[in-house]
Protein backbone atom coordinates (compact mmCIF):
# COMPACT_ATOMS: atom_id res chain seq x y z
CA MET A 1 -0.14 -0.17 -0.19
CA SER A 2 2.95 2.27 0.94
CA MET A 3 3.90 2.06 -3.26
CA PHE A 4 0.67 3.24 -4.00
CA TYR A 5 0.61 6.18 -1.67
CA ARG A 6 4.43 7.67 -3.04
CA ARG A 7 2.86 6.91 -6.66
CA GLY A 8 -0.21 9.32 -5.85
CA LEU A 9 -2.65 6.47 -6.90
CA LEU A 10 -3.73 6.30 -3.40
CA VAL A 11 -5.11 9.51 -3.79
CA CYS A 12 -6.61 8.91 -7.07
CA LEU A 13 -8.21 5.92 -5.40
CA LEU A 14 -9.65 8.17 -2.74
CA SER A 15 -10.80 10.83 -4.53
CA ALA A 16 -12.61 8.69 -6.91
CA GLY A 17 -14.40 7.16 -3.78
CA LEU A 18 -15.10 10.59 -2.30
CA MET A 19 -16.45 11.79 -5.22
CA SER A 20 -18.64 8.72 -5.68
CA THR A 21 -19.95 9.29 -2.42
CA GLN A 22 -20.67 12.56 -2.62
CA ALA A 23 -22.43 12.19 -5.80
CA ALA A 24 -24.73 9.36 -4.63
CA ILE A 25 -25.62 11.75 -1.30
CA ALA A 26 -25.80 14.94 -3.22
CA ALA A 27 -27.56 16.42 -5.99
CA PRO A 28 -25.80 15.69 -9.56
CA GLN A 29 -22.80 17.34 -9.85
CA ALA A 30 -21.65 19.22 -12.85
CA GLU A 31 -20.23 17.15 -16.16
CA GLY A 32 -16.57 18.62 -15.78
CA SER A 33 -16.14 17.97 -12.10
CA LYS A 34 -13.86 14.61 -12.40
CA SER A 35 -11.69 16.84 -14.78
CA ASP A 36 -10.91 19.45 -11.64
CA ILE A 37 -8.89 16.46 -9.65
CA ALA A 38 -5.42 17.09 -9.73
CA VAL A 39 -2.68 14.66 -10.73
CA PRO A 40 -0.11 14.20 -8.65
CA ALA A 41 3.40 14.35 -9.44
CA GLY A 42 4.92 10.87 -10.07
CA GLY A 43 6.43 8.36 -12.58
CA ALA A 44 4.63 6.64 -15.27
CA LEU A 45 2.45 4.38 -14.79
CA SER A 46 2.73 0.47 -15.11
CA GLU A 47 0.48 -1.56 -16.52
CA SER A 48 -0.67 -3.25 -13.34
CA GLU A 49 -1.05 0.27 -12.32
CA ILE A 50 -3.44 1.08 -14.86
CA ILE A 51 -5.34 -2.80 -14.34
CA ILE A 52 -5.45 -1.65 -10.31
CA LEU A 53 -7.21 1.66 -10.69
CA LEU A 54 -9.70 -0.26 -13.42
CA GLN A 55 -10.37 -2.72 -10.71
CA ALA A 56 -11.20 -0.13 -8.01
CA LYS A 57 -13.70 1.31 -10.43
CA VAL A 58 -11.88 4.78 -10.87
CA PRO A 59 -13.72 6.42 -13.38
CA LEU A 60 -11.85 6.09 -17.26
CA GLU A 61 -11.80 9.85 -17.32
CA LEU A 62 -9.86 9.94 -14.90
CA ILE A 63 -7.50 6.86 -15.45
CA ALA A 64 -7.08 8.72 -19.07
CA LYS A 65 -5.86 11.84 -17.34
CA PHE A 66 -3.24 10.03 -14.92
CA VAL A 67 -1.94 8.28 -18.60
CA THR A 68 -1.72 11.47 -20.63
CA ILE A 69 0.01 13.39 -17.72
CA ARG A 70 2.37 10.84 -16.58
CA GLY A 71 2.55 8.62 -19.48
CA VAL A 72 3.11 4.76 -19.10
CA SER A 73 6.32 2.86 -18.93
CA PHE A 74 5.44 -0.09 -20.89
CA VAL A 75 5.10 -0.77 -24.65
CA SER A 76 1.72 -1.47 -25.51
CA THR A 77 0.66 -4.90 -27.22
CA LYS A 78 -2.26 -6.66 -28.19
CA ASP A 79 -2.20 -8.93 -25.16
CA SER A 80 -1.61 -5.79 -22.90
CA SER A 81 -4.26 -4.10 -24.26
CA LYS A 82 -6.69 -7.43 -23.75
CA ARG A 83 -5.81 -7.39 -20.11
CA ILE A 84 -6.76 -3.71 -20.02
CA ILE A 85 -10.05 -4.16 -21.67
CA SER A 86 -10.85 -7.26 -19.80
CA SER A 87 -10.06 -5.13 -16.56
CA GLY A 88 -12.77 -2.68 -17.59
CA GLY A 89 -11.09 -0.43 -19.89
CA ASP A 90 -12.05 0.94 -23.21
CA VAL A 91 -10.76 1.16 -26.75
CA SER A 92 -10.72 4.93 -25.96
CA LEU A 93 -8.03 4.61 -22.77
CA ILE A 94 -6.37 2.05 -24.84
CA GLY A 95 -5.68 4.87 -27.40
CA THR A 96 -4.37 7.33 -24.83
CA VAL A 97 -1.65 4.51 -23.54
CA ASN A 98 -0.74 4.05 -27.26
CA LEU A 99 -0.41 8.02 -27.55
CA ASN A 100 1.55 8.38 -24.35
CA GLN A 101 4.28 5.90 -24.10
CA LYS A 102 7.60 6.84 -22.63
CA ASP A 103 10.29 6.86 -25.19
CA ASP A 104 12.56 4.80 -22.93
CA ALA A 105 10.24 2.14 -22.80
CA VAL A 106 9.75 1.73 -26.65
CA VAL A 107 13.53 1.70 -27.26
CA LEU A 108 14.02 -0.94 -24.46
CA ALA A 109 11.41 -3.19 -26.61
CA ASP A 110 13.19 -2.52 -29.91
CA ALA A 111 16.69 -3.34 -28.37
CA GLY A 112 15.04 -6.91 -27.19
CA GLY A 113 13.80 -7.73 -30.42
CA LYS A 114 10.26 -6.26 -29.98
CA LYS A 115 8.59 -3.95 -32.54
CA LYS A 116 6.27 -1.29 -31.36
CA LYS A 117 2.89 -1.48 -33.53
C-alpha cells in the first residue's frame, strides 16, 4: 500500500471514492467535475497500476488523465490491450496509452527484438 501512496495513486483512489459518495448523497454534480481533480506528481504508470485503478472502479476519464499527464512505462501490445479491456478499460483508454508511451520503454522494447505496433 505504501508503494501506491508514494506514486499518488492512493490519492486518486480516495478522490474517486469520495466523489462517488458525494454524488450519491448530493444533487447531481456538473459534468466537468471529474476533470477538476489534480494529478499528483509521479512516474509513468505501469500496466499493473492501470489495471488496479480499473479494478477499483476509478472513472475511465480520470485514468486517461493520469496516463496523459504521466505517461506509461510499458510498450502497449495486443496482450496488454486485452488485459486492460478485460479489466474494464475501453478502446479510448487503449488509444491514450498508445499515444503516451515513454520513449525509454519503446527503446528498451526495440532493443529486445520486439517491435512497437
